[in-house]
């Protein structure tokens, strides 16, 4: 039986029986909860950009995990986050990854 509700984006790994959640684990993952969750999204959030080459490598590896349903939460944020040009470059790289893997994007846009 399908869940009553679908929440495609959450930062809460708890799974309720009536809600299917797409858990956003981020790069680097904040915890190990993503490994136990049936549906995850992996991505470099604009607030957490640091070592882009290493983060992209980890994002690509985790995005090939059996439970990764989307790339995200990725995007652009002029209010908070890394320098604008770095955000744009990181976002574009993740768009290309999503295209290559044929996975949807969950976009953060402020």
PDB file of N, CA and C in Angstrom:
ATOM      1  N   UNK A   1       0.834  -1.180   0.000  1.00  0.00           N
ATOM      2  CA  UNK A   1       0.000   0.000   0.000  1.00  0.00           C
ATOM      3  C   UNK A   1       0.888   1.255   0.000  1.00  0.00           C
ATOM      4  N   UNK A   2       0.578   2.208  -0.877  1.00  0.00           N
ATOM      5  CA  UNK A   2       1.340   3.447  -0.950  1.00  0.00           C
ATOM      6  C   UNK A   2       1.045   4.336   0.249  1.00  0.00           C
ATOM      7  N   UNK A   3       2.038   5.120   0.666  1.00  0.00           N
ATOM      8  CA  UNK A   3       1.794   6.039   1.775  1.00  0.00           C
ATOM      9  C   UNK A   3       0.752   7.080   1.396  1.00  0.00           C
ATOM     10  N   UNK A   4       0.093   7.638   2.415  1.00  0.00           N
ATOM     11  CA  UNK A   4      -0.940   8.636   2.178  1.00  0.00           C
ATOM     12  C   UNK A   4      -0.345   9.943   1.662  1.00  0.00           C
ATOM     13  N   UNK A   5       0.839  10.297   2.137  1.00  0.00           N
ATOM     14  CA  UNK A   5       1.492  11.537   1.746  1.00  0.00           C
ATOM     15  C   UNK A   5       2.911  11.253   1.271  1.00  0.00           C
ATOM     16  N   UNK A   6       3.395  12.115   0.397  1.00  0.00           N
ATOM     17  CA  UNK A   6       4.782  12.037  -0.037  1.00  0.00           C
ATOM     18  C   UNK A   6       5.434  13.386   0.237  1.00  0.00           C
ATOM     19  N   UNK A   7       6.492  13.385   1.030  1.00  0.00           N
ATOM     20  CA  UNK A   7       7.282  14.579   1.331  1.00  0.00           C
ATOM     21  C   UNK A   7       8.618  14.360   0.643  1.00  0.00           C
ATOM     22  N   UNK A   8       8.848  15.046  -0.471  1.00  0.00           N
ATOM     23  CA  UNK A   8      10.057  14.763  -1.245  1.00  0.00           C
ATOM     24  C   UNK A   8      11.311  15.363  -0.651  1.00  0.00           C
ATOM     25  N   UNK A   9      11.169  16.195   0.397  1.00  0.00           N
ATOM     26  CA  UNK A   9      12.363  16.844   0.943  1.00  0.00           C
ATOM     27  C   UNK A   9      12.214  17.081   2.442  1.00  0.00           C
ATOM     28  N   UNK A  10      13.069  16.436   3.217  1.00  0.00           N
ATOM     29  CA  UNK A  10      13.068  16.648   4.660  1.00  0.00           C
ATOM     30  C   UNK A  10      14.483  16.475   5.188  1.00  0.00           C
ATOM     31  N   UNK A  11      14.742  17.079   6.328  1.00  0.00           N
ATOM     32  CA  UNK A  11      16.020  16.890   7.010  1.00  0.00           C
ATOM     33  C   UNK A  11      15.814  16.023   8.251  1.00  0.00           C
ATOM     34  N   UNK A  12      14.657  15.401   8.347  1.00  0.00           N
ATOM     35  CA  UNK A  12      14.302  14.548   9.470  1.00  0.00           C
ATOM     36  C   UNK A  12      14.255  13.106   8.971  1.00  0.00           C
ATOM     37  N   UNK A  13      15.110  12.272   9.489  1.00  0.00           N
ATOM     38  CA  UNK A  13      15.211  10.896   8.996  1.00  0.00           C
ATOM     39  C   UNK A  13      14.128   9.969   9.530  1.00  0.00           C
ATOM     40  N   UNK A  14      13.349  10.417  10.519  1.00  0.00           N
ATOM     41  CA  UNK A  14      12.279   9.560  11.048  1.00  0.00           C
ATOM     42  C   UNK A  14      11.267   9.263   9.956  1.00  0.00           C
ATOM     43  N   UNK A  15      10.830   8.041   9.886  1.00  0.00           N
ATOM     44  CA  UNK A  15       9.854   7.646   8.877  1.00  0.00           C
ATOM     45  C   UNK A  15       8.534   7.337   9.558  1.00  0.00           C
ATOM     46  N   UNK A  16       7.514   8.068   9.196  1.00  0.00           N
ATOM     47  CA  UNK A  16       6.176   7.805   9.713  1.00  0.00           C
ATOM     48  C   UNK A  16       5.451   6.880   8.743  1.00  0.00           C
ATOM     49  N   UNK A  17       4.565   6.025   9.220  1.00  0.00           N
ATOM     50  CA  UNK A  17       3.929   5.048   8.331  1.00  0.00           C
ATOM     51  C   UNK A  17       3.058   5.668   7.243  1.00  0.00           C
ATOM     52  N   UNK A  18       2.545   6.881   7.448  1.00  0.00           N
ATOM     53  CA  UNK A  18       1.670   7.482   6.435  1.00  0.00           C
ATOM     54  C   UNK A  18       2.395   8.486   5.555  1.00  0.00           C
ATOM     55  N   UNK A  19       3.701   8.666   5.779  1.00  0.00           N
ATOM     56  CA  UNK A  19       4.443   9.644   4.989  1.00  0.00           C
ATOM     57  C   UNK A  19       5.690   8.998   4.400  1.00  0.00           C
ATOM     58  N   UNK A  20       5.834   9.106   3.097  1.00  0.00           N
ATOM     59  CA  UNK A  20       7.065   8.681   2.427  1.00  0.00           C
ATOM     60  C   UNK A  20       7.948   9.911   2.354  1.00  0.00           C
ATOM     61  N   UNK A  21       9.148   9.838   2.932  1.00  0.00           N
ATOM     62  CA  UNK A  21      10.027  10.998   2.962  1.00  0.00           C
ATOM     63  C   UNK A  21      11.280  10.777   2.123  1.00  0.00           C
ATOM     64  N   UNK A  22      11.676  11.834   1.433  1.00  0.00           N
ATOM     65  CA  UNK A  22      12.961  11.849   0.749  1.00  0.00           C
ATOM     66  C   UNK A  22      13.948  12.572   1.640  1.00  0.00           C
ATOM     67  N   UNK A  23      14.803  11.845   2.322  1.00  0.00           N
ATOM     68  CA  UNK A  23      15.718  12.408   3.311  1.00  0.00           C
ATOM     69  C   UNK A  23      16.893  13.089   2.633  1.00  0.00           C
ATOM     70  N   UNK A  24      17.120  14.351   2.973  1.00  0.00           N
ATOM     71  CA  UNK A  24      18.224  15.129   2.415  1.00  0.00           C
ATOM     72  C   UNK A  24      19.427  14.989   3.322  1.00  0.00           C
ATOM     73  N   UNK A  25      20.460  14.298   2.866  1.00  0.00           N
ATOM     74  CA  UNK A  25      21.586  14.039   3.762  1.00  0.00           C
ATOM     75  C   UNK A  25      22.714  15.045   3.625  1.00  0.00           C
ATOM     76  N   UNK A  26      22.853  15.733   2.510  1.00  0.00           N
ATOM     77  CA  UNK A  26      23.905  16.732   2.376  1.00  0.00           C
ATOM     78  C   UNK A  26      25.281  16.120   2.196  1.00  0.00           C
ATOM     79  N   UNK A  27      26.205  16.947   1.742  1.00  0.00           N
ATOM     80  CA  UNK A  27      27.601  16.531   1.562  1.00  0.00           C
ATOM     81  C   UNK A  27      28.474  17.502   2.346  1.00  0.00           C
ATOM     82  N   UNK A  28      29.245  17.082   3.298  1.00  0.00           N
ATOM     83  CA  UNK A  28      29.307  15.695   3.774  1.00  0.00           C
ATOM     84  C   UNK A  28      28.080  15.356   4.604  1.00  0.00           C
ATOM     85  N   UNK A  29      27.735  14.070   4.677  1.00  0.00           N
ATOM     86  CA  UNK A  29      26.573  13.683   5.486  1.00  0.00           C
ATOM     87  C   UNK A  29      26.775  14.090   6.947  1.00  0.00           C
ATOM     88  N   UNK A  30      25.711  14.601   7.547  1.00  0.00           N
ATOM     89  CA  UNK A  30      25.784  15.015   8.943  1.00  0.00           C
ATOM     90  C   UNK A  30      25.786  13.822   9.887  1.00  0.00           C
ATOM     91  N   UNK A  31      25.224  12.716   9.432  1.00  0.00           N
ATOM     92  CA  UNK A  31      25.131  11.524  10.265  1.00  0.00           C
ATOM     93  C   UNK A  31      25.007  10.301   9.359  1.00  0.00           C
ATOM     94  N   UNK A  32      24.843   9.158   9.966  1.00  0.00           N
ATOM     95  CA  UNK A  32      24.744   7.903   9.207  1.00  0.00           C
ATOM     96  C   UNK A  32      23.298   7.514   8.906  1.00  0.00           C
ATOM     97  N   UNK A  33      22.334   8.378   9.254  1.00  0.00           N
ATOM     98  CA  UNK A  33      20.916   8.046   9.081  1.00  0.00           C
ATOM     99  C   UNK A  33      20.558   7.739   7.633  1.00  0.00           C
ATOM    100  N   UNK A  34      21.236   8.386   6.699  1.00  0.00           N
ATOM    101  CA  UNK A  34      20.898   8.202   5.289  1.00  0.00           C
ATOM    102  C   UNK A  34      21.049   6.749   4.847  1.00  0.00           C
ATOM    103  N   UNK A  35      21.969   6.020   5.453  1.00  0.00           N
ATOM    104  CA  UNK A  35      22.196   4.633   5.045  1.00  0.00           C
ATOM    105  C   UNK A  35      20.996   3.746   5.339  1.00  0.00           C
ATOM    106  N   UNK A  36      20.218   4.115   6.365  1.00  0.00           N
ATOM    107  CA  UNK A  36      19.062   3.325   6.770  1.00  0.00           C
ATOM    108  C   UNK A  36      17.766   3.785   6.115  1.00  0.00           C
ATOM    109  N   UNK A  37      17.805   4.942   5.473  1.00  0.00           N
ATOM    110  CA  UNK A  37      16.587   5.512   4.916  1.00  0.00           C
ATOM    111  C   UNK A  37      16.351   4.979   3.505  1.00  0.00           C
ATOM    112  N   UNK A  38      15.105   4.649   3.156  1.00  0.00           N
ATOM    113  CA  UNK A  38      14.857   4.075   1.828  1.00  0.00           C
ATOM    114  C   UNK A  38      14.988   5.058   0.670  1.00  0.00           C
ATOM    115  N   UNK A  39      14.809   6.351   0.926  1.00  0.00           N
ATOM    116  CA  UNK A  39      14.866   7.347  -0.146  1.00  0.00           C
ATOM    117  C   UNK A  39      15.696   8.542   0.325  1.00  0.00           C
ATOM    118  N   UNK A  40      16.826   8.800  -0.329  1.00  0.00           N
ATOM    119  CA  UNK A  40      17.657   9.944   0.062  1.00  0.00           C
ATOM    120  C   UNK A  40      17.955  10.836  -1.137  1.00  0.00           C
ATOM    121  N   UNK A  41      18.354  12.058  -0.801  1.00  0.00           N
ATOM    122  CA  UNK A  41      18.864  13.011  -1.776  1.00  0.00           C
ATOM    123  C   UNK A  41      20.248  13.396  -1.289  1.00  0.00           C
ATOM    124  N   UNK A  42      21.189  13.504  -2.185  1.00  0.00           N
ATOM    125  CA  UNK A  42      22.536  13.940  -1.812  1.00  0.00           C
ATOM    126  C   UNK A  42      22.911  15.141  -2.655  1.00  0.00           C
ATOM    127  N   UNK A  43      23.556  16.102  -2.024  1.00  0.00           N
ATOM    128  CA  UNK A  43      23.966  17.288  -2.751  1.00  0.00           C
ATOM    129  C   UNK A  43      24.744  18.232  -1.864  1.00  0.00           C
ATOM    130  N   UNK A  44      25.364  19.213  -2.497  1.00  0.00           N
ATOM    131  CA  UNK A  44      26.129  20.222  -1.786  1.00  0.00           C
ATOM    132  C   UNK A  44      25.264  21.475  -1.690  1.00  0.00           C
ATOM    133  N   UNK A  45      24.765  21.739  -0.504  1.00  0.00           N
ATOM    134  CA  UNK A  45      23.925  22.901  -0.249  1.00  0.00           C
ATOM    135  C   UNK A  45      24.793  24.157  -0.342  1.00  0.00           C
ATOM    136  N   UNK A  46      24.272  25.281  -0.859  1.00  0.00           N
ATOM    137  CA  UNK A  46      25.095  26.476  -0.990  1.00  0.00           C
ATOM    138  C   UNK A  46      25.633  27.015   0.340  1.00  0.00           C
ATOM    139  N   UNK A  47      25.015  26.670   1.446  1.00  0.00           N
ATOM    140  CA  UNK A  47      25.509  27.111   2.750  1.00  0.00           C
ATOM    141  C   UNK A  47      26.716  26.303   3.200  1.00  0.00           C
ATOM    142  N   UNK A  48      26.928  25.111   2.604  1.00  0.00           N
ATOM    143  CA  UNK A  48      27.949  24.191   3.104  1.00  0.00           C
ATOM    144  C   UNK A  48      29.049  23.902   2.089  1.00  0.00           C
ATOM    145  N   UNK A  49      29.252  24.800   1.140  1.00  0.00           N
ATOM    146  CA  UNK A  49      30.321  24.622   0.158  1.00  0.00           C
ATOM    147  C   UNK A  49      31.659  24.910   0.843  1.00  0.00           C
ATOM    148  N   UNK A  50      32.596  23.973   0.699  1.00  0.00           N
ATOM    149  CA  UNK A  50      33.920  24.190   1.291  1.00  0.00           C
ATOM    150  C   UNK A  50      34.993  23.690   0.330  1.00  0.00           C
ATOM    151  N   UNK A  51      35.268  22.399   0.342  1.00  0.00           N
ATOM    152  CA  UNK A  51      36.269  21.793  -0.527  1.00  0.00           C
ATOM    153  C   UNK A  51      35.525  21.168  -1.714  1.00  0.00           C
ATOM    154  N   UNK A  52      35.270  21.975  -2.733  1.00  0.00           N
ATOM    155  CA  UNK A  52      34.392  21.555  -3.829  1.00  0.00           C
ATOM    156  C   UNK A  52      34.851  20.277  -4.522  1.00  0.00           C
ATOM    157  N   UNK A  53      36.126  20.123  -4.911  1.00  0.00           N
ATOM    158  CA  UNK A  53      36.511  18.868  -5.571  1.00  0.00           C
ATOM    159  C   UNK A  53      36.211  17.633  -4.714  1.00  0.00           C
ATOM    160  N   UNK A  54      36.536  17.692  -3.441  1.00  0.00           N
ATOM    161  CA  UNK A  54      36.272  16.550  -2.552  1.00  0.00           C
ATOM    162  C   UNK A  54      34.772  16.355  -2.362  1.00  0.00           C
ATOM    163  N   UNK A  55      34.027  17.445  -2.212  1.00  0.00           N
ATOM    164  CA  UNK A  55      32.583  17.334  -2.029  1.00  0.00           C
ATOM    165  C   UNK A  55      31.911  16.766  -3.273  1.00  0.00           C
ATOM    166  N   UNK A  56      32.340  17.205  -4.450  1.00  0.00           N
ATOM    167  CA  UNK A  56      31.757  16.674  -5.688  1.00  0.00           C
ATOM    168  C   UNK A  56      32.050  15.185  -5.845  1.00  0.00           C
ATOM    169  N   UNK A  57      33.259  14.785  -5.488  1.00  0.00           N
ATOM    170  CA  UNK A  57      33.629  13.369  -5.571  1.00  0.00           C
ATOM    171  C   UNK A  57      32.730  12.541  -4.637  1.00  0.00           C
ATOM    172  N   UNK A  58      32.541  13.028  -3.422  1.00  0.00           N
ATOM    173  CA  UNK A  58      31.689  12.312  -2.478  1.00  0.00           C
ATOM    174  C   UNK A  58      30.231  12.316  -2.932  1.00  0.00           C
ATOM    175  N   UNK A  59      29.778  13.446  -3.463  1.00  0.00           N
ATOM    176  CA  UNK A  59      28.409  13.544  -3.964  1.00  0.00           C
ATOM    177  C   UNK A  59      28.167  12.523  -5.072  1.00  0.00           C
ATOM    178  N   UNK A  60      29.110  12.430  -5.988  1.00  0.00           N
ATOM    179  CA  UNK A  60      28.957  11.471  -7.082  1.00  0.00           C
ATOM    180  C   UNK A  60      28.922  10.037  -6.555  1.00  0.00           C
ATOM    181  N   UNK A  61      29.803   9.713  -5.633  1.00  0.00           N
ATOM    182  CA  UNK A  61      29.830   8.350  -5.075  1.00  0.00           C
ATOM    183  C   UNK A  61      28.529   8.028  -4.357  1.00  0.00           C
ATOM    184  N   UNK A  62      28.060   8.939  -3.498  1.00  0.00           N
ATOM    185  CA  UNK A  62      26.830   8.674  -2.744  1.00  0.00           C
ATOM    186  C   UNK A  62      25.593   8.683  -3.644  1.00  0.00           C
ATOM    187  N   UNK A  63      25.635   9.462  -4.718  1.00  0.00           N
ATOM    188  CA  UNK A  63      24.475   9.533  -5.607  1.00  0.00           C
ATOM    189  C   UNK A  63      24.263   8.233  -6.372  1.00  0.00           C
ATOM    190  N   UNK A  64      25.260   7.388  -6.364  1.00  0.00           N
ATOM    191  CA  UNK A  64      25.125   6.080  -7.008  1.00  0.00           C
ATOM    192  C   UNK A  64      24.636   5.008  -6.023  1.00  0.00           C
ATOM    193  N   UNK A  65      24.384   5.423  -4.773  1.00  0.00           N
ATOM    194  CA  UNK A  65      23.879   4.499  -3.757  1.00  0.00           C
ATOM    195  C   UNK A  65      22.495   3.988  -4.150  1.00  0.00           C
ATOM    196  N   UNK A  66      22.175   2.812  -3.690  1.00  0.00           N
ATOM    197  CA  UNK A  66      20.904   2.175  -4.025  1.00  0.00           C
ATOM    198  C   UNK A  66      19.697   3.019  -3.618  1.00  0.00           C
ATOM    199  N   UNK A  67      19.821   3.821  -2.565  1.00  0.00           N
ATOM    200  CA  UNK A  67      18.664   4.550  -2.053  1.00  0.00           C
ATOM    201  C   UNK A  67      18.639   6.022  -2.445  1.00  0.00           C
ATOM    202  N   UNK A  68      19.534   6.464  -3.327  1.00  0.00           N
ATOM    203  CA  UNK A  68      19.551   7.866  -3.749  1.00  0.00           C
ATOM    204  C   UNK A  68      18.526   8.072  -4.856  1.00  0.00           C
ATOM    205  N   UNK A  69      17.532   8.894  -4.574  1.00  0.00           N
ATOM    206  CA  UNK A  69      16.460   9.156  -5.541  1.00  0.00           C
ATOM    207  C   UNK A  69      16.622  10.468  -6.287  1.00  0.00           C
ATOM    208  N   UNK A  70      17.456  11.396  -5.757  1.00  0.00           N
ATOM    209  CA  UNK A  70      17.609  12.720  -6.370  1.00  0.00           C
ATOM    210  C   UNK A  70      18.909  13.371  -5.922  1.00  0.00           C
ATOM    211  N   UNK A  71      19.298  14.398  -6.669  1.00  0.00           N
ATOM    212  CA  UNK A  71      20.436  15.223  -6.289  1.00  0.00           C
ATOM    213  C   UNK A  71      19.857  16.474  -5.617  1.00  0.00           C
ATOM    214  N   UNK A  72      20.281  16.730  -4.400  1.00  0.00           N
ATOM    215  CA  UNK A  72      19.745  17.902  -3.711  1.00  0.00           C
ATOM    216  C   UNK A  72      20.061  17.866  -2.237  1.00  0.00           C
ATOM    217  N   UNK A  73      19.907  18.803  -1.617  1.00  0.00           N
ATOM    218  CA  UNK A  73      19.369  20.103  -1.978  1.00  0.00           C
ATOM    219  C   UNK A  73      20.532  20.941  -2.481  1.00  0.00           C
ATOM    220  N   UNK A  74      20.455  21.375  -3.721  1.00  0.00           N
ATOM    221  CA  UNK A  74      21.522  22.150  -4.341  1.00  0.00           C
ATOM    222  C   UNK A  74      20.948  23.472  -4.816  1.00  0.00           C
ATOM    223  N   UNK A  75      21.816  24.449  -5.060  1.00  0.00           N
ATOM    224  CA  UNK A  75      21.272  25.687  -5.595  1.00  0.00           C
ATOM    225  C   UNK A  75      22.085  26.907  -5.311  1.00  0.00           C
ATOM    226  N   UNK A  76      21.360  28.032  -5.236  1.00  0.00           N
ATOM    227  CA  UNK A  76      21.969  29.346  -5.116  1.00  0.00           C
ATOM    228  C   UNK A  76      21.283  30.124  -3.999  1.00  0.00           C
ATOM    229  N   UNK A  77      22.073  30.898  -3.256  1.00  0.00           N
ATOM    230  CA  UNK A  77      21.524  31.662  -2.142  1.00  0.00           C
ATOM    231  C   UNK A  77      22.328  32.946  -1.982  1.00  0.00           C
ATOM    232  N   UNK A  78      21.739  34.079  -2.356  1.00  0.00           N
ATOM    233  CA  UNK A  78      22.440  35.367  -2.239  1.00  0.00           C
ATOM    234  C   UNK A  78      22.415  35.903  -0.811  1.00  0.00           C
ATOM    235  N   UNK A  79      21.585  35.346   0.053  1.00  0.00           N
ATOM    236  CA  UNK A  79      21.476  35.818   1.430  1.00  0.00           C
ATOM    237  C   UNK A  79      22.534  35.178   2.324  1.00  0.00           C
ATOM    238  N   UNK A  80      22.834  33.909   2.062  1.00  0.00           N
ATOM    239  CA  UNK A  80      23.732  33.153   2.925  1.00  0.00           C
ATOM    240  C   UNK A  80      24.500  32.158   2.062  1.00  0.00           C
ATOM    241  N   UNK A  81      25.690  31.813   2.458  1.00  0.00           N
ATOM    242  CA  UNK A  81      26.412  30.779   1.739  1.00  0.00           C
ATOM    243  C   UNK A  81      27.771  31.229   1.233  1.00  0.00           C
ATOM    244  N   UNK A  82      28.325  30.404   0.399  1.00  0.00           N
ATOM    245  CA  UNK A  82      29.657  30.623  -0.176  1.00  0.00           C
ATOM    246  C   UNK A  82      29.623  31.808  -1.151  1.00  0.00           C
ATOM    247  N   UNK A  83      30.786  32.272  -1.595  1.00  0.00           N
ATOM    248  CA  UNK A  83      30.823  33.334  -2.609  1.00  0.00           C
ATOM    249  C   UNK A  83      29.996  32.942  -3.844  1.00  0.00           C
ATOM    250  N   UNK A  84      29.371  33.941  -4.449  1.00  0.00           N
ATOM    251  CA  UNK A  84      28.410  33.719  -5.533  1.00  0.00           C
ATOM    252  C   UNK A  84      28.982  32.898  -6.689  1.00  0.00           C
ATOM    253  N   UNK A  85      30.154  33.228  -7.174  1.00  0.00           N
ATOM    254  CA  UNK A  85      30.737  32.491  -8.307  1.00  0.00           C
ATOM    255  C   UNK A  85      30.980  31.030  -7.938  1.00  0.00           C
ATOM    256  N   UNK A  86      31.417  30.774  -6.725  1.00  0.00           N
ATOM    257  CA  UNK A  86      31.640  29.402  -6.272  1.00  0.00           C
ATOM    258  C   UNK A  86      30.313  28.650  -6.185  1.00  0.00           C
ATOM    259  N   UNK A  87      29.270  29.322  -5.716  1.00  0.00           N
ATOM    260  CA  UNK A  87      27.949  28.700  -5.685  1.00  0.00           C
ATOM    261  C   UNK A  87      27.497  28.320  -7.092  1.00  0.00           C
ATOM    262  N   UNK A  88      27.678  29.231  -8.047  1.00  0.00           N
ATOM    263  CA  UNK A  88      27.257  28.954  -9.425  1.00  0.00           C
ATOM    264  C   UNK A  88      28.012  27.761 -10.010  1.00  0.00           C
ATOM    265  N   UNK A  89      29.330  27.724  -9.812  1.00  0.00           N
ATOM    266  CA  UNK A  89      30.135  26.622 -10.343  1.00  0.00           C
ATOM    267  C   UNK A  89      29.723  25.290  -9.711  1.00  0.00           C
ATOM    268  N   UNK A  90      29.494  25.301  -8.415  1.00  0.00           N
ATOM    269  CA  UNK A  90      29.111  24.075  -7.702  1.00  0.00           C
ATOM    270  C   UNK A  90      27.736  23.611  -8.155  1.00  0.00           C
ATOM    271  N   UNK A  91      26.815  24.548  -8.297  1.00  0.00           N
ATOM    272  CA  UNK A  91      25.464  24.216  -8.764  1.00  0.00           C
ATOM    273  C   UNK A  91      25.511  23.609 -10.166  1.00  0.00           C
ATOM    274  N   UNK A  92      26.252  24.251 -11.075  1.00  0.00           N
ATOM    275  CA  UNK A  92      26.348  23.750 -12.450  1.00  0.00           C
ATOM    276  C   UNK A  92      26.933  22.340 -12.491  1.00  0.00           C
ATOM    277  N   UNK A  93      27.935  22.069 -11.675  1.00  0.00           N
ATOM    278  CA  UNK A  93      28.530  20.728 -11.641  1.00  0.00           C
ATOM    279  C   UNK A  93      27.508  19.693 -11.182  1.00  0.00           C
ATOM    280  N   UNK A  94      26.676  20.068 -10.228  1.00  0.00           N
ATOM    281  CA  UNK A  94      25.667  19.121  -9.730  1.00  0.00           C
ATOM    282  C   UNK A  94      24.517  18.940 -10.719  1.00  0.00           C
ATOM    283  N   UNK A  95      24.192  19.972 -11.477  1.00  0.00           N
ATOM    284  CA  UNK A  95      23.200  19.841 -12.544  1.00  0.00           C
ATOM    285  C   UNK A  95      23.700  18.821 -13.569  1.00  0.00           C
ATOM    286  N   UNK A  96      24.964  18.933 -13.938  1.00  0.00           N
ATOM    287  CA  UNK A  96      25.552  17.985 -14.896  1.00  0.00           C
ATOM    288  C   UNK A  96      25.543  16.562 -14.341  1.00  0.00           C
ATOM    289  N   UNK A  97      25.833  16.421 -13.046  1.00  0.00           N
ATOM    290  CA  UNK A  97      25.792  15.094 -12.419  1.00  0.00           C
ATOM    291  C   UNK A  97      24.381  14.525 -12.478  1.00  0.00           C
ATOM    292  N   UNK A  98      23.394  15.335 -12.138  1.00  0.00           N
ATOM    293  CA  UNK A  98      22.001  14.875 -12.178  1.00  0.00           C
ATOM    294  C   UNK A  98      21.604  14.456 -13.597  1.00  0.00           C
ATOM    295  N   UNK A  99      22.032  15.223 -14.577  1.00  0.00           N
ATOM    296  CA  UNK A  99      21.736  14.881 -15.967  1.00  0.00           C
ATOM    297  C   UNK A  99      22.396  13.561 -16.349  1.00  0.00           C
ATOM    298  N   UNK A 100      23.648  13.396 -15.973  1.00  0.00           N
ATOM    299  CA  UNK A 100      24.374  12.168 -16.318  1.00  0.00           C
ATOM    300  C   UNK A 100      23.738  10.936 -15.685  1.00  0.00           C
ATOM    301  N   UNK A 101      23.247  11.095 -14.462  1.00  0.00           N
ATOM    302  CA  UNK A 101      22.644   9.970 -13.746  1.00  0.00           C
ATOM    303  C   UNK A 101      21.142   9.846 -13.980  1.00  0.00           C
ATOM    304  N   UNK A 102      20.586  10.829 -14.711  1.00  0.00           N
ATOM    305  CA  UNK A 102      19.145  10.853 -14.983  1.00  0.00           C
ATOM    306  C   UNK A 102      18.333  10.864 -13.685  1.00  0.00           C
ATOM    307  N   UNK A 103      18.764  11.755 -12.769  1.00  0.00           N
ATOM    308  CA  UNK A 103      18.075  11.909 -11.483  1.00  0.00           C
ATOM    309  C   UNK A 103      17.553  13.336 -11.384  1.00  0.00           C
ATOM    310  N   UNK A 104      16.409  13.511 -10.731  1.00  0.00           N
ATOM    311  CA  UNK A 104      15.873  14.861 -10.552  1.00  0.00           C
ATOM    312  C   UNK A 104      16.712  15.676  -9.572  1.00  0.00           C
ATOM    313  N   UNK A 105      16.527  16.999  -9.624  1.00  0.00           N
ATOM    314  CA  UNK A 105      17.189  17.941  -8.720  1.00  0.00           C
ATOM    315  C   UNK A 105      16.187  18.478  -7.703  1.00  0.00           C
ATOM    316  N   UNK A 106      16.642  18.645  -6.483  1.00  0.00           N
ATOM    317  CA  UNK A 106      15.894  19.399  -5.478  1.00  0.00           C
ATOM    318  C   UNK A 106      16.669  20.692  -5.321  1.00  0.00           C
ATOM    319  N   UNK A 107      16.043  21.806  -5.686  1.00  0.00           N
ATOM    320  CA  UNK A 107      16.761  23.083  -5.791  1.00  0.00           C
ATOM    321  C   UNK A 107      16.438  24.014  -4.633  1.00  0.00           C
ATOM    322  N   UNK A 108      17.511  24.542  -4.051  1.00  0.00           N
ATOM    323  CA  UNK A 108      17.434  25.608  -3.049  1.00  0.00           C
ATOM    324  C   UNK A 108      17.663  26.907  -3.800  1.00  0.00           C
ATOM    325  N   UNK A 109      16.711  27.825  -3.755  1.00  0.00           N
ATOM    326  CA  UNK A 109      16.843  29.075  -4.507  1.00  0.00           C
ATOM    327  C   UNK A 109      16.347  30.230  -3.658  1.00  0.00           C
ATOM    328  N   UNK A 110      17.293  31.039  -3.149  1.00  0.00           N
ATOM    329  CA  UNK A 110      16.936  32.213  -2.340  1.00  0.00           C
ATOM    330  C   UNK A 110      17.554  33.431  -2.996  1.00  0.00           C
TER     331      UNK A 110
END
